[in-house]
Amino acid sequence: MTVRVRYAPSPTGSPHVGNIRDALFKHLLAKHHKGVNILRIEDTDRTRYIEGAERDIMESLHWMGIQWTEGPDVGGPHGPYRQSERKEAGIYAHWINVLLERGLAYKAFDTSQELEEMREYQQINKQPVGYFGGVWRDATPEAVEKAEKEGKPFVIRQRIPRNETVVIHDFIRGRIEWDTNTVDDPVLIKADGMPTYHFAAMVDDHLMEITHIIRGEEWISSAPKHALLFDAFGWERPVFVHCPVIKGKDGKKLSKRHGDTRCLDYRAAGYMPEALANFIALIGWSPGEDREILSMDELAEAFDLGGLQPSPGVFDIDKLRWMNGNYIRALSPEALTATVKQYLTVPDIEEYFTRIPEGADAPIDAAMPAAVALMREAFEKTPELAATALLLEQPRVTTLSEFATACMFFFQEEPPFDEKAVEKWFGQPHVGPMIEHFQKWSSGLQAATLEDCEKAVRDYAEANSFDKMGPVVHPIRVALTGKTVGPGLFELMSALGPQVMAKRFQRALGRIAKANV
């Protein structure tokens, strides 16, 4: 049997973490079994349709490296791959007529007011809430014909059999059963003629020969309706796989307060797609052997439905940052430069960092767009310095965006001083003469290798009887970068070069003079 799966999003917004995990699991399963992954756009709910959402869906999948072999953009033998187009082609009309002819579906002419009164009655009398037949489930053909002639709007509902037990075998949870008397009759065709998810998805799954329906556990309650629909047509049921929900570290359902949930926000924030895919794949699934860092090919090789966990997966933004840092540190110098330059072209960086999250009082990082613009300029004007700066900061950053702020001091004419650093170091009596010495030293150089810089600093420390390097290294770093943390001092001195060092030492002498007034 060839494994065939489908990712079937609705174009009602940009995909978030839960959607992407769904798509990723299907991509990995199809790749593992050398099967087929289908992209199907379920756009029958026109009231919730958002222009541009389908573009965001495809862009997110492409960025994540998730592939499909059939879909609206690539075609295939089971098209069309948009449900609105399938509806226009008459696909659903044919199959709903089959159910109507077999008496397994019926037309219901209830008004909105009648349905609301039904729900209120059920709630007051503590009955199961739902449509269990009303007057139309067993209405006579004459009553139905009369209502149609009067032009009353209607929906078509599935006739769920009564007094039976329906059983499904979920791959993760095993046997699940329902008393059909507790399963309401779902709408299959809405009053506007559009099919519902309950109907269109199952018809399409059969016609597209889907072997595994992988979806969130919130769909378990709908599983008996879908299983019975397959049975009504005499179709073989696919394998049902209901994945657990994703929760935050606090045990609550994942929401924006746990971190970004929109896939493309992670791109703007500076996460690598390989790291994000690796991280998301491990939410609710385990490859075994305590492995954590896996490439997409390694994930596909290891992916098996048996590794899916029945308990909720946990979204831990700190772990994602750690994992992303690992991927960044694994990049070669050439790949690092290419990756960061590609990140700098992401179109929505400014929109993302200047956005004020729900419940927050300030933007995510209002200063980030300026830092990104400065790095873009550095790659245009001083590409070698920009590439060197990336390498020096590579061991310390966890996102691509952090390079922009971490490297700013390399490119700024006058990097701002950390006032706490100035207060701590520039008032000490030895610092003024030391910075003056290095200002003269750097002014007399044509070039400064790493070895030159290290020798100059160590020779000065030895000549002036410093037992420890801290009182020498830290003030020099503050003079050159404005802060007390950063890459290795000798490396950054060499990267800045004699001319820039001389200017910054001279500027620092001015601050030292003020600190000692």
Protein backbone atom coordinates (compact mmCIF):
# COMPACT_ATOMS: atom_id res chain seq x y z
CA MET A 1 0.00 0.00 0.00
CA THR A 2 1.32 3.44 -0.95
CA VAL A 3 0.98 5.87 1.92
CA ARG A 4 -1.05 8.91 0.86
CA VAL A 5 -1.64 11.81 3.23
CA ARG A 6 -3.00 15.31 2.84
CA TYR A 7 -2.45 18.66 4.48
CA ALA A 8 -5.75 20.46 4.05
CA PRO A 9 -5.71 23.96 5.53
CA SER A 10 -8.52 26.48 5.32
CA PRO A 11 -7.44 29.89 3.95
CA THR A 12 -8.70 31.72 7.02
CA GLY A 13 -5.34 33.07 8.21
CA SER A 14 -1.60 32.48 8.24
CA PRO A 15 -0.62 29.02 9.55
CA HIS A 16 0.51 28.76 13.17
CA VAL A 17 2.57 26.19 15.06
CA GLY A 18 -0.24 23.64 15.34
CA ASN A 19 -0.96 23.81 11.59
CA ILE A 20 2.70 23.50 10.73
CA ARG A 21 3.18 20.48 12.99
CA ASP A 22 0.24 18.85 11.20
CA ALA A 23 1.81 19.59 7.81
CA LEU A 24 5.27 18.51 8.99
CA PHE A 25 4.09 15.13 10.34
CA LYS A 26 2.43 14.36 7.01
CA HIS A 27 5.48 15.42 5.03
CA LEU A 28 7.72 13.22 7.18
CA LEU A 29 5.39 10.21 7.01
CA ALA A 30 5.09 10.43 3.22
CA LYS A 31 8.83 10.88 2.83
CA HIS A 32 9.59 7.99 5.21
CA HIS A 33 7.38 5.61 3.22
CA LYS A 34 8.18 7.12 -0.19
CA GLY A 35 4.50 7.95 -0.42
CA VAL A 36 2.47 10.94 -1.57
CA ASN A 37 1.76 14.16 0.29
CA ILE A 38 -1.11 16.27 -1.03
CA LEU A 39 -1.85 19.95 -0.43
CA ARG A 40 -5.60 20.55 -0.56
CA ILE A 41 -7.15 23.95 0.11
CA GLU A 42 -10.43 23.63 2.00
CA ASP A 43 -12.03 26.95 1.12
CA THR A 44 -15.73 26.18 1.29
CA ASP A 45 -16.37 28.49 4.27
CA ARG A 46 -16.46 31.75 2.34
CA THR A 47 -17.51 33.80 5.38
CA ARG A 48 -14.09 33.19 6.97
CA TYR A 49 -12.02 33.35 3.79
CA ILE A 50 -9.07 35.79 4.00
CA GLU A 51 -7.45 37.16 0.87
CA GLY A 52 -3.77 36.22 0.75
CA ALA A 53 -4.07 33.39 3.28
CA GLU A 54 -3.42 30.70 0.66
CA ARG A 55 -0.26 32.53 -0.36
CA ASP A 56 0.86 32.66 3.29
CA ILE A 57 0.18 28.94 3.64
CA MET A 58 2.34 28.01 0.66
CA GLU A 59 5.05 30.49 1.62
CA SER A 60 5.21 29.05 5.14
CA LEU A 61 5.46 25.48 3.86
CA HIS A 62 8.13 26.34 1.30
CA TRP A 63 10.17 28.19 3.94
CA MET A 64 9.95 25.21 6.29
CA GLY A 65 11.06 22.78 3.58
CA ILE A 66 7.72 20.92 3.58
CA GLN A 67 7.05 19.43 0.17
CA TRP A 68 3.95 18.13 -1.58
CA THR A 69 3.60 16.12 -4.77
CA GLU A 70 0.02 17.06 -5.63
CA GLY A 71 -1.68 20.39 -5.04
CA PRO A 72 -3.28 23.49 -6.57
CA ASP A 73 0.06 24.88 -7.73
CA VAL A 74 1.57 21.66 -9.10
CA GLY A 75 -1.56 19.78 -10.23
CA GLY A 76 -1.95 16.03 -10.10
CA PRO A 77 -4.30 13.20 -11.08
CA HIS A 78 -6.88 13.95 -8.37
CA GLY A 79 -7.57 17.65 -8.99
CA PRO A 80 -8.92 20.17 -8.62
CA TYR A 81 -7.19 20.73 -5.27
CA ARG A 82 -9.30 23.65 -4.07
CA GLN A 83 -12.65 22.55 -2.66
CA SER A 84 -14.43 25.58 -4.12
CA GLU A 85 -13.33 24.39 -7.57
CA ARG A 86 -14.35 20.83 -6.76
CA LYS A 87 -17.78 22.11 -5.76
CA GLU A 88 -18.13 23.97 -9.06
CA ALA A 89 -17.12 20.78 -10.87
CA GLY A 90 -20.16 19.03 -9.35
CA ILE A 91 -18.15 16.49 -7.35
CA TYR A 92 -20.04 16.99 -4.10
CA ALA A 93 -23.45 17.25 -5.77
CA HIS A 94 -23.02 13.75 -7.17
CA TRP A 95 -22.14 12.16 -3.85
CA ILE A 96 -24.78 13.97 -1.80
CA ASN A 97 -27.38 12.71 -4.27
CA VAL A 98 -26.12 9.18 -3.66
CA LEU A 99 -26.78 9.59 0.07
CA LEU A 100 -30.20 11.17 -0.50
CA GLU A 101 -31.23 8.33 -2.83
CA ARG A 102 -30.13 5.76 -0.23
CA GLY A 103 -32.01 7.55 2.54
CA LEU A 104 -28.75 8.18 4.40
CA ALA A 105 -29.13 11.95 4.24
CA TYR A 106 -32.15 14.25 4.39
CA LYS A 107 -33.20 17.84 3.82
CA ALA A 108 -33.93 19.90 6.92
CA PHE A 109 -35.84 23.19 6.67
CA ASP A 110 -35.49 24.41 10.26
CA THR A 111 -35.19 28.16 10.71
CA SER A 112 -32.48 29.77 12.84
CA GLN A 113 -35.08 30.57 15.49
CA GLU A 114 -36.30 26.98 15.58
CA LEU A 115 -32.76 25.69 15.99
CA GLU A 116 -32.09 28.14 18.82
CA GLU A 117 -35.29 27.10 20.60
CA MET A 118 -34.23 23.46 20.22
CA ARG A 119 -30.84 24.16 21.81
CA GLU A 120 -32.43 26.08 24.69
CA TYR A 121 -34.86 23.23 25.35
CA GLN A 122 -32.01 20.71 25.37
CA GLN A 123 -29.93 22.80 27.75
CA ILE A 124 -32.84 23.44 30.14
CA ASN A 125 -33.69 19.75 30.24
CA LYS A 126 -30.02 18.70 30.46
CA GLN A 127 -30.20 16.75 27.22
CA PRO A 128 -27.37 16.27 24.70
CA VAL A 129 -27.14 19.45 22.66
CA GLY A 130 -27.31 18.91 18.92
CA TYR A 131 -29.61 18.12 16.03
CA PHE A 132 -31.02 14.64 16.50
CA GLY A 133 -33.76 14.81 13.89
CA GLY A 134 -36.33 17.45 14.69
CA VAL A 135 -39.37 17.20 12.44
CA TRP A 136 -37.42 16.64 9.26
CA ARG A 137 -35.42 13.47 9.85
CA ASP A 138 -38.52 11.33 9.32
CA ALA A 139 -40.63 13.82 7.38
CA THR A 140 -42.76 12.44 4.56
CA PRO A 141 -41.70 13.01 0.94
CA GLU A 142 -44.84 15.12 0.57
CA ALA A 143 -43.81 17.45 3.43
CA VAL A 144 -40.34 17.85 1.97
CA GLU A 145 -41.73 18.53 -1.52
CA LYS A 146 -44.15 21.12 -0.12
CA ALA A 147 -41.37 22.95 1.74
CA GLU A 148 -39.22 23.02 -1.38
CA LYS A 149 -42.08 24.40 -3.51
CA GLU A 150 -42.58 27.15 -0.95
CA GLY A 151 -38.93 28.12 -1.43
CA LYS A 152 -37.89 27.44 2.14
CA PRO A 153 -34.11 27.32 2.57
CA PHE A 154 -32.71 24.00 3.71
CA VAL A 155 -29.57 22.16 4.64
CA ILE A 156 -28.77 18.52 3.98
CA ARG A 157 -27.94 16.47 7.07
CA GLN A 158 -26.39 13.06 7.54
CA ARG A 159 -28.81 10.48 8.91
CA ILE A 160 -26.87 8.94 11.79
CA PRO A 161 -28.17 5.43 12.56
CA ARG A 162 -29.71 5.05 16.01
CA ASN A 163 -29.38 2.36 18.68
CA GLU A 164 -25.99 1.24 17.41
CA THR A 165 -22.39 1.39 18.54
CA VAL A 166 -19.82 2.94 16.24
CA VAL A 167 -16.18 2.01 16.79
CA ILE A 168 -13.02 3.52 15.40
CA HIS A 169 -9.46 2.38 15.96
CA ASP A 170 -7.32 5.43 16.52
CA PHE A 171 -3.63 4.75 15.88
CA ILE A 172 -2.58 6.52 19.07
CA ARG A 173 -5.45 5.76 21.44
CA GLY A 174 -6.67 2.41 20.20
CA ARG A 175 -10.35 1.48 20.31
CA ILE A 176 -12.84 4.32 20.82
CA GLU A 177 -16.59 3.74 20.71
CA TRP A 178 -19.75 5.82 20.78
CA ASP A 179 -23.44 5.15 21.28
CA THR A 180 -24.95 6.53 18.06
CA ASN A 181 -27.86 7.93 20.07
CA THR A 182 -25.38 10.54 21.39
CA VAL A 183 -24.14 11.50 17.91
CA ASP A 184 -26.10 14.33 16.31
CA ASP A 185 -26.94 14.59 12.60
CA PRO A 186 -24.31 16.92 11.09
CA VAL A 187 -24.93 19.31 8.23
CA LEU A 188 -23.32 18.02 5.04
CA ILE A 189 -24.49 20.72 2.63
CA LYS A 190 -25.16 24.26 3.87
CA ALA A 191 -28.08 26.43 2.79
CA ASP A 192 -25.82 28.22 0.28
CA GLY A 193 -25.03 24.91 -1.40
CA MET A 194 -21.48 24.72 -0.05
CA PRO A 195 -20.37 21.44 1.53
CA THR A 196 -19.22 21.41 5.13
CA TYR A 197 -15.90 20.00 6.31
CA HIS A 198 -17.69 16.88 7.56
CA PHE A 199 -18.77 16.04 4.02
CA ALA A 200 -16.26 17.54 1.59
CA ALA A 201 -13.15 16.40 3.45
CA MET A 202 -14.31 12.79 3.68
CA VAL A 203 -15.43 12.64 0.05
CA ASP A 204 -12.13 14.13 -1.05
CA ASP A 205 -10.13 11.82 1.21
CA HIS A 206 -11.73 8.84 -0.50
CA LEU A 207 -11.42 10.18 -4.04
CA MET A 208 -7.79 11.20 -3.41
CA GLU A 209 -7.08 7.73 -1.95
CA ILE A 210 -5.90 9.06 1.41
CA THR A 211 -4.63 6.22 3.59
CA HIS A 212 -4.11 8.12 6.87
CA ILE A 213 -6.19 10.95 8.29
CA ILE A 214 -3.80 12.71 10.65
CA ARG A 215 -5.33 15.61 12.58
CA GLY A 216 -5.67 17.16 16.03
CA GLU A 217 -7.42 15.39 18.88
CA GLU A 218 -10.13 18.07 18.87
CA TRP A 219 -11.58 16.15 15.92
CA ILE A 220 -12.12 12.95 17.92
CA SER A 221 -15.72 13.91 18.67
CA SER A 222 -16.36 14.15 14.91
CA ALA A 223 -14.71 10.81 14.14
CA PRO A 224 -17.90 8.71 14.47
CA LYS A 225 -19.70 10.92 11.95
CA HIS A 226 -16.82 10.61 9.51
CA ALA A 227 -16.44 6.87 10.01
CA LEU A 228 -20.19 6.39 9.44
CA LEU A 229 -20.00 8.50 6.29
CA PHE A 230 -17.34 6.19 4.87
CA ASP A 231 -19.53 3.25 5.84
CA ALA A 232 -22.60 4.83 4.20
CA PHE A 233 -20.82 4.95 0.87
CA GLY A 234 -19.33 1.50 1.32
CA TRP A 235 -15.81 2.93 1.31
CA GLU A 236 -12.84 1.58 3.22
CA ARG A 237 -11.98 3.80 6.16
CA PRO A 238 -8.54 5.39 6.28
CA VAL A 239 -6.38 5.04 9.39
CA PHE A 240 -7.42 7.67 11.97
CA VAL A 241 -4.56 9.36 13.82
CA HIS A 242 -5.56 12.04 16.33
CA CYS A 243 -2.50 13.93 17.56
CA PRO A 244 -2.45 15.49 21.03
CA VAL A 245 -2.74 19.24 21.48
CA ILE A 246 0.24 21.51 22.01
CA LYS A 247 0.46 23.24 25.38
CA GLY A 248 2.70 25.85 26.90
CA LYS A 249 5.11 25.18 29.76
CA ASP A 250 2.34 26.28 32.14
CA GLY A 251 0.16 23.37 30.99
CA LYS A 252 -2.37 25.60 29.25
CA LYS A 253 -3.34 25.41 25.60
CA LEU A 254 -0.79 27.10 23.36
CA SER A 255 -1.54 30.76 22.72
CA LYS A 256 0.30 33.94 21.80
CA ARG A 257 1.41 34.46 25.38
CA HIS A 258 3.67 31.38 25.07
CA GLY A 259 5.57 32.86 22.13
CA ASP A 260 4.94 33.49 18.46
CA THR A 261 2.44 31.07 16.98
CA ARG A 262 2.30 32.32 13.36
CA CYS A 263 4.89 30.42 11.33
CA LEU A 264 6.19 33.41 9.38
CA ASP A 265 6.71 35.32 12.63
CA TYR A 266 9.51 32.88 13.44
CA ARG A 267 11.16 33.74 10.14
CA ALA A 268 11.00 37.46 10.95
CA ALA A 269 12.25 36.79 14.48
CA GLY A 270 15.37 35.15 13.09
CA TYR A 271 14.80 31.42 13.52
CA MET A 272 16.25 29.05 10.96
CA PRO A 273 13.62 26.86 9.26
CA GLU A 274 15.70 23.72 9.86
CA ALA A 275 15.77 24.42 13.58
CA LEU A 276 12.07 25.24 13.74
CA ALA A 277 11.18 22.04 11.87
CA ASN A 278 13.42 20.01 14.18
CA PHE A 279 11.83 21.62 17.24
CA ILE A 280 8.20 21.27 16.09
CA ALA A 281 8.69 17.64 15.04
CA LEU A 282 9.63 16.76 18.62
CA ILE A 283 6.44 18.24 20.10
CA GLY A 284 4.43 15.10 20.75
CA TRP A 285 6.70 12.74 18.82
CA SER A 286 9.94 11.04 19.76
CA PRO A 287 12.53 9.46 17.47
CA GLY A 288 13.87 7.41 20.37
CA GLU A 289 17.41 7.12 21.72
CA ASP A 290 17.19 10.63 23.26
CA ARG A 291 18.10 12.25 19.95
CA GLU A 292 17.27 15.94 19.64
CA ILE A 293 19.23 17.58 16.81
CA LEU A 294 18.07 16.02 13.53
CA SER A 295 18.05 17.30 9.97
CA MET A 296 14.90 17.05 7.87
CA ASP A 297 16.27 13.93 6.16
CA GLU A 298 17.10 12.37 9.53
CA LEU A 299 13.63 13.23 10.83
CA ALA A 300 12.04 11.58 7.79
CA GLU A 301 14.20 8.49 8.15
CA ALA A 302 13.23 8.13 11.81
CA PHE A 303 9.59 9.19 11.57
CA ASP A 304 7.07 6.55 12.49
CA LEU A 305 3.54 6.90 13.79
CA GLY A 306 4.50 4.65 16.68
CA GLY A 307 6.59 7.52 18.06
CA LEU A 308 3.55 9.77 18.51
CA GLN A 309 2.68 10.36 22.16
CA PRO A 310 -0.89 10.35 23.55
CA SER A 311 -0.08 13.10 26.06
CA PRO A 312 0.03 16.79 25.05
CA GLY A 313 3.26 18.11 23.58
CA VAL A 314 4.91 21.10 25.25
CA PHE A 315 5.98 24.24 23.41
CA ASP A 316 9.11 25.57 25.12
CA ILE A 317 10.43 28.76 23.51
CA ASP A 318 13.65 28.49 25.51
CA LYS A 319 14.34 25.09 24.02
CA LEU A 320 13.66 26.44 20.54
CA ARG A 321 16.17 29.23 21.11
CA TRP A 322 18.74 26.71 22.34
CA MET A 323 18.15 24.50 19.33
CA ASN A 324 18.33 27.44 16.93
CA GLY A 325 21.63 28.48 18.49
CA ASN A 326 22.99 25.01 17.83
CA TYR A 327 22.03 25.26 14.17
CA ILE A 328 23.65 28.70 13.89
CA ARG A 329 26.91 27.48 15.44
CA ALA A 330 27.02 24.54 13.04
CA LEU A 331 27.15 26.83 9.98
CA SER A 332 30.39 27.17 8.05
CA PRO A 333 31.68 30.74 7.56
CA GLU A 334 30.33 30.81 4.01
CA ALA A 335 26.96 29.37 5.00
CA LEU A 336 26.72 31.76 7.96
CA THR A 337 27.21 34.81 5.75
CA ALA A 338 24.73 33.52 3.17
CA THR A 339 22.14 32.67 5.83
CA VAL A 340 22.31 36.07 7.53
CA LYS A 341 22.25 37.94 4.23
CA GLN A 342 19.16 35.94 3.26
CA TYR A 343 17.55 36.82 6.60
CA LEU A 344 18.17 40.51 5.98
CA THR A 345 15.88 40.28 2.91
CA VAL A 346 12.88 39.00 4.90
CA PRO A 347 10.10 41.49 4.07
CA ASP A 348 8.25 41.66 7.40
CA ILE A 349 11.10 42.18 9.89
CA GLU A 350 10.11 45.78 10.67
CA GLU A 351 6.41 44.94 10.97
CA TYR A 352 7.19 42.08 13.33
CA PHE A 353 9.54 43.88 15.73
CA THR A 354 7.48 47.07 15.89
CA ARG A 355 4.28 45.15 16.59
CA ILE A 356 2.78 45.57 20.05
CA PRO A 357 1.73 42.07 21.22
CA GLU A 358 -1.68 41.58 22.73
CA GLY A 359 -1.57 42.58 26.38
CA ALA A 360 1.80 44.32 26.06
CA ASP A 361 2.61 48.00 26.46
CA ALA A 362 5.53 48.22 24.07
CA PRO A 363 6.70 46.79 20.72
CA ILE A 364 8.62 43.52 20.60
CA ASP A 365 11.88 45.38 19.88
CA ALA A 366 11.49 48.84 18.38
CA ALA A 367 15.26 49.22 17.93
CA MET A 368 15.69 46.08 15.85
CA PRO A 369 14.72 47.52 12.41
CA ALA A 370 17.47 50.15 12.68
CA ALA A 371 20.02 47.49 13.65
CA VAL A 372 18.97 45.34 10.69
CA ALA A 373 19.24 48.33 8.34
CA LEU A 374 22.75 49.04 9.67
CA MET A 375 23.83 45.47 8.98
CA ARG A 376 22.41 45.61 5.46
CA GLU A 377 24.45 48.76 4.88
CA ALA A 378 27.55 47.09 6.32
CA PHE A 379 27.28 44.21 3.86
CA GLU A 380 27.08 46.76 1.03
CA LYS A 381 29.96 49.00 2.15
CA THR A 382 32.27 46.76 4.21
CA PRO A 383 31.36 43.14 3.37
CA GLU A 384 34.58 41.69 4.80
CA LEU A 385 34.08 43.42 8.15
CA ALA A 386 30.44 42.32 8.21
CA ALA A 387 31.40 38.68 7.57
CA THR A 388 34.12 38.83 10.23
CA ALA A 389 31.71 40.35 12.75
CA LEU A 390 29.29 37.47 12.16
CA LEU A 391 31.99 34.91 12.86
CA LEU A 392 33.01 36.64 16.09
CA GLU A 393 29.42 36.74 17.36
CA GLN A 394 28.46 33.26 16.08
CA PRO A 395 29.24 31.44 19.36
CA ARG A 396 26.98 33.73 21.38
CA VAL A 397 23.74 34.40 19.47
CA THR A 398 20.63 32.21 19.40
CA THR A 399 18.68 33.88 16.56
CA LEU A 400 19.69 35.47 13.28
CA SER A 401 18.16 38.77 14.38
CA GLU A 402 20.52 38.89 17.35
CA PHE A 403 23.44 39.29 14.94
CA ALA A 404 22.09 42.72 14.00
CA THR A 405 22.20 44.06 17.55
CA ALA A 406 25.30 42.10 18.65
CA CYS A 407 27.32 43.41 15.70
CA MET A 408 26.15 47.02 15.77
CA PHE A 409 29.29 48.33 17.48
CA PHE A 410 31.39 47.11 14.55
CA PHE A 411 29.56 49.40 12.13
CA GLN A 412 28.56 52.43 14.19
CA GLU A 413 30.67 55.56 13.93
CA GLU A 414 30.26 56.13 17.68
CA PRO A 415 28.75 53.12 19.49
CA PRO A 416 26.86 54.29 22.60
CA PHE A 417 28.53 53.75 25.95
CA ASP A 418 26.94 51.58 28.62
CA GLU A 419 26.87 54.11 31.44
CA LYS A 420 27.28 51.41 34.08
CA ALA A 421 30.42 50.21 32.31
CA VAL A 422 31.74 53.77 32.11
CA GLU A 423 31.06 54.31 35.80
CA LYS A 424 32.77 51.07 36.76
CA TRP A 425 35.93 51.40 34.67
CA PHE A 426 36.58 54.91 33.38
CA GLY A 427 36.94 56.43 36.84
CA GLN A 428 39.78 54.10 37.84
CA PRO A 429 43.17 55.85 37.93
CA HIS A 430 45.01 53.39 35.70
CA VAL A 431 42.53 53.52 32.83
CA GLY A 432 43.31 57.00 31.45
CA PRO A 433 47.04 56.41 30.91
CA MET A 434 46.34 52.93 29.54
CA ILE A 435 43.82 54.11 26.93
CA GLU A 436 46.15 56.95 25.96
CA HIS A 437 48.92 54.38 25.43
CA PHE A 438 46.74 52.24 23.14
CA GLN A 439 45.51 55.32 21.27
CA LYS A 440 49.11 56.13 20.35
CA TRP A 441 49.87 52.48 19.62
CA SER A 442 46.98 52.05 17.22
CA SER A 443 47.67 55.41 15.53
CA GLY A 444 51.12 54.17 14.54
CA LEU A 445 49.93 50.95 12.85
CA GLN A 446 49.15 50.17 9.24
CA ALA A 447 47.52 46.82 10.11
CA ALA A 448 46.73 44.86 13.26
CA THR A 449 46.73 41.08 13.21
CA LEU A 450 45.19 39.09 16.04
CA GLU A 451 48.72 38.22 17.19
CA ASP A 452 49.74 41.90 17.13
CA CYS A 453 46.79 42.88 19.30
CA GLU A 454 47.25 40.08 21.81
CA LYS A 455 50.97 40.83 22.16
CA ALA A 456 50.37 44.55 22.67
CA VAL A 457 47.78 44.00 25.42
CA ARG A 458 49.75 41.30 27.21
CA ASP A 459 53.00 43.25 27.00
CA TYR A 460 51.28 46.29 28.50
CA ALA A 461 49.81 44.21 31.34
CA GLU A 462 53.20 42.67 32.10
CA ALA A 463 55.07 45.97 31.89
CA ASN A 464 52.65 47.59 34.33
CA SER A 465 52.61 44.65 36.74
CA PHE A 466 48.96 43.63 36.37
CA ASP A 467 48.47 40.24 38.03
CA LYS A 468 45.13 39.73 36.26
CA MET A 469 44.04 40.68 32.76
CA GLY A 470 40.55 41.93 33.74
CA PRO A 471 41.57 45.51 34.66
CA VAL A 472 43.28 45.76 31.28
CA VAL A 473 40.86 43.89 29.02
CA HIS A 474 37.56 45.34 30.29
CA PRO A 475 38.39 49.05 29.96
CA ILE A 476 39.82 48.49 26.47
CA ARG A 477 36.65 46.64 25.47
CA VAL A 478 34.44 49.45 26.82
CA ALA A 479 36.54 52.01 24.96
CA LEU A 480 36.19 50.12 21.67
CA THR A 481 32.63 48.77 21.88
CA GLY A 482 30.86 50.77 24.58
CA LYS A 483 30.03 47.62 26.55
CA THR A 484 31.65 44.99 28.73
CA VAL A 485 30.53 41.86 26.87
CA GLY A 486 31.25 40.64 23.39
CA PRO A 487 33.58 38.46 21.36
CA GLY A 488 37.25 37.93 22.19
CA LEU A 489 39.05 41.24 22.68
CA PHE A 490 42.01 40.47 20.45
CA GLU A 491 39.79 39.22 17.64
CA LEU A 492 37.55 42.31 17.72
CA MET A 493 40.57 44.65 17.88
CA SER A 494 41.98 43.05 14.76
CA ALA A 495 38.60 43.20 13.02
CA LEU A 496 38.12 46.91 13.77
CA GLY A 497 41.59 47.75 12.53
CA PRO A 498 44.06 50.49 13.58
CA GLN A 499 42.18 53.50 12.20
CA VAL A 500 38.87 52.70 13.90
CA MET A 501 40.62 51.73 17.14
CA ALA A 502 42.52 55.04 17.22
CA LYS A 503 39.30 57.04 16.78
CA ARG A 504 37.48 55.10 19.47
CA PHE A 505 40.35 55.30 21.95
CA GLN A 506 40.46 59.06 21.38
CA ARG A 507 36.72 59.31 22.00
CA ALA A 508 37.07 57.20 25.15
CA LEU A 509 39.72 59.58 26.48
CA GLY A 510 37.12 62.34 26.35
CA ARG A 511 34.71 60.29 28.46
CA ILE A 512 37.50 59.35 30.86
CA ALA A 513 38.32 63.02 31.34
CA LYS A 514 34.68 63.76 32.21
CA ALA A 515 34.55 60.79 34.57
CA ASN A 516 37.51 62.13 36.52
CA VAL A 517 36.36 65.76 36.83
